[in-house]
Amino acid sequence: MPETILVINTGSSSLKLGLYQPAGDDMQLLFEGLADSIGHDSSKLEIKDAAGKVLHADTTPLKTQTAALDQATQLLRKLANITPTAIGHRVVHGGPRLTSHQRITPELIAELKNCLHFAPLHIPLALELIAAAERTYPSLPQFACFDTAFHITIPEVAARFPIPREFFDEGIHRYGFHGLSYESIVHQLGASIPSRVVIAHLGSGASLCALKDGRSIDTTMGLTPTGGIPMATRSGDLDPGILLYLTRTRNMDADALEQLLNHDSGLAAISGGESDMRKLEAAADPNAQLAIDIFCMAIRKTVAAYAAELGGLDLLIFSGGIGEHSARVRGHVCDGLAFLGLTAEKVSVMPSEEDVQIARHCHTLSIKNKGLHAKFAKGAKFRHGIRGVTWRFSSRTLREGCCFF
């Protein structure tokens, strides 16, 4: 049976699937699925082949991501007639101990459950989909690809918040996100990547990353995906005193603040309710223009700051839905950055390829997994992918799929 990776990438109200197989030195897409507006009456599910031909489309209500996954996998099985050999999941946050892409084991699941407070909007969804995939494909290995893993190279001077050391030691520091997107761009650039690069991943969630020789040295999102620049409905960075003020004067508790910062802020709050950049650009309302201006100014300030951190700027890359498709945002950001020597030749637009990047990691991990099964079948000592854990493996633990990476 040829190796086939099923990639699962979930958002707050969407689910993307892809079937990939090795092709030469890379992974080739065979089929892809998209479930959108999950939890709404307008939800829809679409399956396409590698050429983009729509093989199935319907508007059956999808209440949850797991319901969407169940329906999509049934359709893929019927339309593609291909059984995957491994499954890869995008996991937004690995917490302080899950710092590399690795095979999913009971130990990893337990560690993710311990990390719920780091990303309460994202990790529970990932856990549900891992469990759903296991019910559908109980014998297949599953792998977790962490958005935070790419940023493990950020030095302490950029990762540390100016609060007592005890909090840093507990794992309260800058993690960074959109790592799989940034990885995919580094992969696309290959050996031609310049030394000093800033990537702006701009979508509903948005962040920037400073790369020195292809490695992340700073990024805008911090402990959680709420931090950084303003986003569609997320606040980005705020004066912490605002939260203290709201707690004291409006008696807002943690749940109320979470709702405010993640769902009721950002572009939507500034514009008066609209978070879609396409609609904001088409609107004549001055509040819509203000939202765009604030968004672009935050990006521009960050690019300049990262240029200072890098000691110059060789290339600025725009990616993500807004970054790739909004010429107005790109132009607005670049206005005023001429002092950096930012010419048209130093600005590029590149697609985010998170899903194929997950497939690449799963392919590599699958090969390592097979090799380690052979090498350590008689028992060996090996370091676990969970930071600080070393186990001795036996042939029994290998068969049961312990994580080695």
Protein backbone atom coordinates (compact mmCIF):
# COMPACT_ATOMS: atom_id res chain seq x y z
CA MET A 1 0.00 0.00 0.00
CA PRO A 2 1.52 3.38 -0.99
CA GLU A 3 2.14 5.82 1.83
CA THR A 4 -0.78 8.27 2.04
CA ILE A 5 -0.98 11.02 4.64
CA LEU A 6 -4.35 12.39 5.77
CA VAL A 7 -3.82 15.97 6.97
CA ILE A 8 -6.35 17.53 9.37
CA ASN A 9 -6.22 21.29 9.95
CA THR A 10 -8.99 22.87 11.97
CA GLY A 11 -10.02 26.46 12.61
CA SER A 12 -12.65 27.84 14.96
CA SER A 13 -15.42 27.33 12.39
CA SER A 14 -13.70 25.46 9.57
CA LEU A 15 -11.96 22.18 8.85
CA LYS A 16 -9.48 21.45 6.06
CA LEU A 17 -8.48 17.97 4.96
CA GLY A 18 -5.93 16.77 2.46
CA LEU A 19 -4.68 13.42 1.16
CA TYR A 20 -1.00 13.48 0.19
CA GLN A 21 1.48 10.97 -1.23
CA PRO A 22 5.26 11.24 -1.72
CA ALA A 23 6.25 12.49 -5.17
CA GLY A 24 9.96 12.82 -5.80
CA ASP A 25 11.43 14.96 -3.04
CA ASP A 26 8.12 16.44 -1.92
CA MET A 27 4.50 15.58 -1.12
CA GLN A 28 1.75 15.72 -3.75
CA LEU A 29 -1.86 16.61 -3.06
CA LEU A 30 -4.38 14.00 -4.26
CA PHE A 31 -7.66 15.23 -2.78
CA GLU A 32 -8.70 18.01 -0.46
CA GLY A 33 -11.78 18.86 1.54
CA LEU A 34 -13.07 22.01 3.18
CA ALA A 35 -15.89 22.31 5.68
CA ASP A 36 -16.81 25.93 6.33
CA SER A 37 -19.16 27.84 8.66
CA ILE A 38 -19.32 24.86 11.02
CA GLY A 39 -21.96 25.35 13.70
CA HIS A 40 -24.05 27.63 11.48
CA ASP A 41 -27.03 26.91 9.25
CA SER A 42 -24.93 28.05 6.29
CA SER A 43 -22.26 25.36 6.78
CA LYS A 44 -20.99 23.62 3.66
CA LEU A 45 -18.65 20.79 2.70
CA GLU A 46 -16.67 20.56 -0.52
CA ILE A 47 -14.32 17.87 -1.84
CA LYS A 48 -11.92 18.56 -4.74
CA ASP A 49 -9.30 16.60 -6.62
CA ALA A 50 -5.72 17.78 -7.12
CA ALA A 51 -6.71 19.73 -10.24
CA GLY A 52 -9.31 21.70 -8.30
CA LYS A 53 -12.30 19.91 -9.80
CA VAL A 54 -15.23 19.83 -7.38
CA LEU A 55 -16.20 16.21 -6.76
CA HIS A 56 -18.78 16.89 -4.05
CA ALA A 57 -20.49 19.93 -2.59
CA ASP A 58 -23.42 20.22 -0.25
CA THR A 59 -24.85 22.46 2.44
CA THR A 60 -25.75 19.82 5.01
CA PRO A 61 -25.64 21.46 8.47
CA LEU A 62 -22.45 20.54 10.33
CA LYS A 63 -22.76 21.14 14.05
CA THR A 64 -19.18 20.38 15.10
CA GLN A 65 -15.72 19.82 13.70
CA THR A 66 -15.93 16.12 14.57
CA ALA A 67 -19.18 15.82 12.60
CA ALA A 68 -17.48 17.53 9.67
CA LEU A 69 -14.49 15.18 9.94
CA ASP A 70 -16.71 12.09 10.03
CA GLN A 71 -18.65 13.18 6.95
CA ALA A 72 -15.56 14.31 5.06
CA THR A 73 -13.63 11.09 5.68
CA GLN A 74 -16.61 9.04 4.52
CA LEU A 75 -16.74 11.08 1.32
CA LEU A 76 -12.99 10.82 0.76
CA ARG A 77 -13.14 7.07 1.22
CA LYS A 78 -15.95 6.86 -1.33
CA LEU A 79 -14.58 9.33 -3.88
CA ALA A 80 -10.87 8.66 -3.60
CA ASN A 81 -10.92 4.94 -2.83
CA ILE A 82 -7.65 5.46 -0.95
CA THR A 83 -6.97 4.45 2.63
CA PRO A 84 -4.49 6.66 4.47
CA THR A 85 -1.48 5.11 6.15
CA ALA A 86 -0.91 7.93 8.66
CA ILE A 87 -2.68 11.04 9.95
CA GLY A 88 -1.21 14.47 10.66
CA HIS A 89 -2.84 17.13 12.82
CA ARG A 90 -2.09 20.81 13.13
CA VAL A 91 -1.95 21.58 16.86
CA VAL A 92 -1.75 25.27 17.68
CA HIS A 93 0.00 25.11 21.07
CA GLY A 94 2.32 22.53 22.58
CA GLY A 95 2.89 24.27 25.87
CA PRO A 96 6.35 24.35 27.49
CA ARG A 97 7.18 20.65 27.03
CA LEU A 98 5.91 19.67 23.58
CA THR A 99 8.51 21.46 21.50
CA SER A 100 8.79 19.29 18.37
CA HIS A 101 6.52 17.57 15.87
CA GLN A 102 5.96 14.02 17.05
CA ARG A 103 3.83 10.91 17.12
CA ILE A 104 0.65 11.07 19.17
CA THR A 105 0.67 8.75 22.18
CA PRO A 106 -1.33 8.55 25.42
CA GLU A 107 1.49 10.49 27.09
CA LEU A 108 1.26 13.27 24.55
CA ILE A 109 -2.52 13.45 24.96
CA ALA A 110 -2.09 13.74 28.73
CA GLU A 111 0.45 16.54 28.26
CA LEU A 112 -1.89 18.39 25.88
CA LYS A 113 -4.65 18.19 28.48
CA ASN A 114 -2.26 19.79 30.95
CA CYS A 115 -1.77 22.63 28.44
CA LEU A 116 -5.45 23.55 27.99
CA HIS A 117 -5.01 26.86 29.80
CA PHE A 118 -2.42 27.97 27.22
CA ALA A 119 -4.91 27.76 24.33
CA PRO A 120 -8.43 27.03 25.64
CA LEU A 121 -10.00 27.83 22.26
CA HIS A 122 -7.73 25.57 20.21
CA ILE A 123 -6.41 22.57 22.16
CA PRO A 124 -9.83 21.08 23.05
CA LEU A 125 -10.74 21.05 19.35
CA ALA A 126 -7.46 19.33 18.50
CA LEU A 127 -8.06 16.68 21.15
CA GLU A 128 -11.58 16.02 19.86
CA LEU A 129 -10.34 15.58 16.30
CA ILE A 130 -7.49 13.30 17.35
CA ALA A 131 -10.00 11.10 19.17
CA ALA A 132 -12.42 11.17 16.22
CA ALA A 133 -9.66 10.22 13.78
CA GLU A 134 -8.63 7.34 16.03
CA ARG A 135 -12.21 6.04 16.06
CA THR A 136 -12.30 6.14 12.26
CA TYR A 137 -8.77 4.78 11.72
CA PRO A 138 -7.90 2.91 14.95
CA SER A 139 -4.78 1.19 13.58
CA LEU A 140 -3.11 4.21 11.98
CA PRO A 141 -0.29 6.25 13.55
CA GLN A 142 -1.18 9.88 14.17
CA PHE A 143 1.25 12.78 14.38
CA ALA A 144 0.97 16.21 16.00
CA CYS A 145 2.55 19.16 14.21
CA PHE A 146 2.81 22.16 16.50
CA ASP A 147 2.59 25.77 15.37
CA THR A 148 4.84 26.66 18.31
CA ALA A 149 7.68 24.30 17.29
CA PHE A 150 9.13 26.63 14.63
CA HIS A 151 9.71 29.34 17.23
CA ILE A 152 11.77 27.23 19.62
CA THR A 153 14.82 29.12 18.25
CA ILE A 154 13.65 32.47 19.66
CA PRO A 155 16.29 33.62 22.17
CA GLU A 156 15.36 34.42 25.74
CA VAL A 157 15.91 38.14 25.15
CA ALA A 158 12.86 38.06 22.82
CA ALA A 159 10.91 35.29 24.54
CA ARG A 160 11.06 36.61 28.10
CA PHE A 161 8.32 38.88 29.47
CA PRO A 162 9.39 41.51 32.05
CA ILE A 163 7.80 39.69 35.00
CA PRO A 164 9.47 37.62 37.77
CA ARG A 165 11.58 34.63 36.74
CA GLU A 166 9.25 32.15 38.46
CA PHE A 167 6.60 32.80 35.81
CA PHE A 168 9.07 32.24 32.97
CA ASP A 169 10.06 28.95 34.59
CA GLU A 170 6.36 27.96 34.67
CA GLY A 171 6.20 28.37 30.91
CA ILE A 172 4.88 31.93 30.70
CA HIS A 173 6.88 33.31 27.78
CA ARG A 174 6.61 34.10 24.08
CA TYR A 175 5.78 30.94 22.11
CA GLY A 176 4.73 32.29 18.73
CA PHE A 177 2.23 30.76 16.32
CA HIS A 178 1.58 30.27 12.58
CA GLY A 179 4.79 28.27 12.71
CA LEU A 180 3.70 25.77 10.05
CA SER A 181 2.94 28.65 7.69
CA TYR A 182 6.36 30.20 8.31
CA GLU A 183 8.03 26.79 7.89
CA SER A 184 6.29 26.30 4.55
CA ILE A 185 7.59 29.65 3.29
CA VAL A 186 11.13 28.82 4.38
CA HIS A 187 10.75 25.51 2.51
CA GLN A 188 9.57 27.31 -0.63
CA LEU A 189 12.52 29.73 -0.51
CA GLY A 190 15.01 26.90 0.01
CA ALA A 191 18.67 27.79 -0.31
CA SER A 192 17.80 31.19 -1.81
CA ILE A 193 16.41 32.55 1.47
CA PRO A 194 18.10 35.85 2.37
CA SER A 195 19.68 36.38 5.77
CA ARG A 196 17.22 39.02 7.06
CA VAL A 197 13.54 38.29 6.38
CA VAL A 198 10.24 39.45 7.86
CA ILE A 199 7.10 37.44 7.09
CA ALA A 200 3.64 38.90 7.66
CA HIS A 201 1.04 36.13 7.89
CA LEU A 202 -2.17 38.14 7.61
CA GLY A 203 -5.56 36.49 7.91
CA SER A 204 -8.34 36.36 10.49
CA GLY A 205 -5.50 35.49 12.82
CA ALA A 206 -2.42 37.54 11.98
CA SER A 207 1.19 37.65 13.09
CA LEU A 208 4.66 38.64 11.92
CA CYS A 209 7.94 36.79 12.31
CA ALA A 210 11.56 37.95 12.08
CA LEU A 211 13.88 35.34 10.56
CA LYS A 212 17.66 35.38 10.70
CA ASP A 213 19.19 32.85 8.30
CA GLY A 214 15.87 31.00 8.12
CA ARG A 215 15.35 30.72 11.89
CA SER A 216 12.72 32.51 13.95
CA ILE A 217 14.26 35.08 16.30
CA ASP A 218 11.11 37.03 17.19
CA THR A 219 7.38 37.02 16.51
CA THR A 220 4.38 39.11 17.48
CA MET A 221 2.11 36.55 19.13
CA GLY A 222 3.13 35.71 22.67
CA LEU A 223 1.89 33.25 25.27
CA THR A 224 -1.30 32.78 23.28
CA PRO A 225 -2.60 33.56 19.76
CA THR A 226 -4.41 36.58 21.20
CA GLY A 227 -1.28 38.72 21.40
CA GLY A 228 0.50 40.81 18.77
CA ILE A 229 -1.11 43.00 16.12
CA PRO A 230 -4.91 43.62 16.00
CA MET A 231 -6.75 40.82 14.20
CA ALA A 232 -10.26 40.16 12.88
CA THR A 233 -11.84 39.76 16.30
CA ARG A 234 -8.79 39.52 18.61
CA SER A 235 -7.35 42.55 20.35
CA GLY A 236 -3.66 41.89 19.93
CA ASP A 237 -1.38 43.54 22.49
CA LEU A 238 -3.03 45.83 25.06
CA ASP A 239 -1.94 47.87 28.04
CA PRO A 240 -2.40 45.34 30.90
CA GLY A 241 -3.92 48.14 32.94
CA ILE A 242 -7.00 47.99 30.72
CA LEU A 243 -7.76 44.49 32.01
CA LEU A 244 -7.26 45.60 35.61
CA TYR A 245 -9.57 48.56 35.00
CA LEU A 246 -12.29 46.35 33.51
CA THR A 247 -11.97 43.86 36.34
CA ARG A 248 -12.34 46.54 38.97
CA THR A 249 -14.95 48.79 37.39
CA ARG A 250 -17.09 46.31 35.43
CA ASN A 251 -16.51 43.18 37.50
CA MET A 252 -15.44 41.27 34.38
CA ASP A 253 -14.15 37.79 35.19
CA ALA A 254 -11.73 35.65 33.16
CA ASP A 255 -14.47 34.28 30.90
CA ALA A 256 -15.81 37.74 30.13
CA LEU A 257 -12.32 39.04 29.38
CA GLU A 258 -11.63 36.06 27.12
CA GLN A 259 -14.82 36.76 25.18
CA LEU A 260 -13.85 40.41 24.86
CA LEU A 261 -10.25 39.84 23.79
CA ASN A 262 -10.80 36.91 21.41
CA HIS A 263 -14.24 37.54 19.93
CA ASP A 264 -15.33 41.14 20.48
CA SER A 265 -12.20 43.14 19.67
CA GLY A 266 -9.89 43.78 16.73
CA LEU A 267 -11.15 44.98 13.35
CA ALA A 268 -14.73 44.11 14.29
CA ALA A 269 -14.64 46.33 17.37
CA ILE A 270 -13.05 49.30 15.60
CA SER A 271 -15.29 49.15 12.52
CA GLY A 272 -18.50 48.64 14.47
CA GLY A 273 -19.02 44.95 13.72
CA GLU A 274 -17.27 44.01 10.45
CA SER A 275 -14.13 41.85 10.52
CA ASP A 276 -13.87 40.75 6.86
CA MET A 277 -11.13 42.78 5.17
CA ARG A 278 -12.85 42.57 1.77
CA LYS A 279 -15.99 44.17 3.16
CA LEU A 280 -14.02 46.75 5.11
CA GLU A 281 -12.20 47.81 1.94
CA ALA A 282 -15.50 48.16 0.08
CA ALA A 283 -17.18 50.17 2.85
CA ALA A 284 -17.47 53.96 2.80
CA ASP A 285 -17.82 54.10 6.60
CA PRO A 286 -14.94 56.04 8.22
CA ASN A 287 -14.83 53.47 11.02
CA ALA A 288 -14.05 50.77 8.44
CA GLN A 289 -11.18 52.91 7.13
CA LEU A 290 -9.95 53.48 10.67
CA ALA A 291 -9.88 49.72 11.27
CA ILE A 292 -7.74 49.24 8.15
CA ASP A 293 -5.44 52.09 9.14
CA ILE A 294 -4.87 50.75 12.65
CA PHE A 295 -4.24 47.24 11.29
CA CYS A 296 -1.72 48.44 8.71
CA MET A 297 0.05 50.82 11.09
CA ALA A 298 0.59 48.00 13.59
CA ILE A 299 2.11 45.85 10.84
CA ARG A 300 4.30 48.70 9.56
CA LYS A 301 5.61 49.46 13.07
CA THR A 302 6.46 45.80 13.57
CA VAL A 303 8.29 45.49 10.25
CA ALA A 304 10.43 48.51 11.19
CA ALA A 305 11.12 47.13 14.66
CA TYR A 306 12.14 43.76 13.26
CA ALA A 307 14.40 45.44 10.71
CA ALA A 308 16.18 47.07 13.66
CA GLU A 309 16.39 43.72 15.43
CA LEU A 310 17.78 42.01 12.31
CA GLY A 311 20.18 44.82 11.47
CA GLY A 312 18.45 45.51 8.16
CA LEU A 313 15.84 43.95 5.90
CA ASP A 314 16.51 41.88 2.78
CA LEU A 315 12.98 40.64 2.10
CA LEU A 316 9.43 41.35 3.31
CA ILE A 317 6.95 38.55 2.55
CA PHE A 318 3.16 38.80 2.74
CA SER A 319 1.17 35.61 3.22
CA GLY A 320 -2.23 34.46 4.50
CA GLY A 321 -5.64 35.38 3.09
CA ILE A 322 -5.24 39.15 3.55
CA GLY A 323 -1.54 39.23 2.84
CA GLU A 324 -1.90 37.35 -0.43
CA HIS A 325 -5.06 38.99 -1.76
CA SER A 326 -5.20 42.58 -0.49
CA ALA A 327 -2.98 44.87 -2.58
CA ARG A 328 -4.40 47.78 -0.61
CA VAL A 329 -3.15 46.42 2.71
CA ARG A 330 0.25 45.57 1.27
CA GLY A 331 0.60 49.05 -0.21
CA HIS A 332 -0.58 50.74 2.96
CA VAL A 333 1.93 48.74 5.03
CA CYS A 334 4.85 49.51 2.71
CA ASP A 335 4.05 53.23 2.56
CA GLY A 336 6.52 54.94 4.85
CA LEU A 337 9.06 52.08 4.91
CA ALA A 338 11.27 53.48 2.15
CA PHE A 339 13.79 54.60 4.81
CA LEU A 340 14.54 50.88 5.29
CA GLY A 341 15.57 50.62 1.66
CA LEU A 342 12.41 48.62 1.01
CA THR A 343 12.02 48.58 -2.77
CA ALA A 344 9.54 46.58 -4.84
CA GLU A 345 12.23 43.95 -5.42
CA LYS A 346 12.40 43.35 -1.67
CA VAL A 347 8.65 42.70 -1.27
CA SER A 348 7.13 39.35 -2.16
CA VAL A 349 3.77 37.56 -1.90
CA MET A 350 3.92 33.85 -1.11
CA PRO A 351 1.20 31.30 -0.31
CA SER A 352 0.93 29.72 3.10
CA GLU A 353 1.19 25.94 2.66
CA GLU A 354 0.46 24.65 6.14
CA ASP A 355 -1.21 21.44 5.02
CA VAL A 356 1.57 20.20 2.74
CA GLN A 357 4.08 21.16 5.45
CA ILE A 358 2.21 18.88 7.86
CA ALA A 359 2.34 16.12 5.25
CA ARG A 360 6.11 16.63 4.89
CA HIS A 361 6.63 16.29 8.64
CA CYS A 362 4.43 13.20 8.85
CA HIS A 363 6.31 11.56 5.99
CA THR A 364 9.64 12.20 7.73
CA LEU A 365 8.34 11.06 11.11
CA SER A 366 6.84 7.90 9.59
CA ILE A 367 10.23 6.98 8.14
CA LYS A 368 11.91 7.61 11.49
CA ASN A 369 9.21 5.62 13.25
CA LYS A 370 9.82 2.59 11.02
CA GLY A 371 13.58 2.86 11.47
CA LEU A 372 13.33 3.10 15.24
CA HIS A 373 11.03 0.11 15.40
CA ALA A 374 13.77 -1.90 13.73
CA LYS A 375 16.68 -0.37 15.64
CA PHE A 376 15.18 -0.52 19.13
CA ALA A 377 13.08 -3.69 18.87
CA LYS A 378 15.27 -5.33 21.52
CA GLY A 379 15.10 -2.41 23.95
CA ALA A 380 16.99 0.85 24.06
CA LYS A 381 17.17 4.15 25.87
CA PHE A 382 15.77 7.11 23.93
CA ARG A 383 14.74 10.67 24.65
CA HIS A 384 11.03 11.37 24.40
CA GLY A 385 9.67 14.31 22.37
CA ILE A 386 8.25 15.73 25.61
CA ARG A 387 11.00 17.97 26.95
CA GLY A 388 12.86 16.48 29.89
CA VAL A 389 11.51 12.92 29.62
CA THR A 390 13.75 9.92 28.89
CA TRP A 391 12.36 6.38 28.73
CA ARG A 392 13.68 2.90 28.10
CA PHE A 393 11.76 1.28 25.26
CA SER A 394 10.97 -2.38 24.83
CA SER A 395 9.53 -4.23 21.85
CA ARG A 396 6.13 -4.01 23.56
CA THR A 397 6.19 -0.21 23.89
CA LEU A 398 7.34 0.07 20.31
CA ARG A 399 4.39 -1.98 19.10
CA GLU A 400 2.02 0.18 21.12
CA GLY A 401 3.33 3.31 19.42
CA CYS A 402 5.22 5.29 22.01
CA CYS A 403 6.52 8.63 20.83
CA PHE A 404 10.20 9.00 20.06
CA PHE A 405 10.56 12.34 18.37
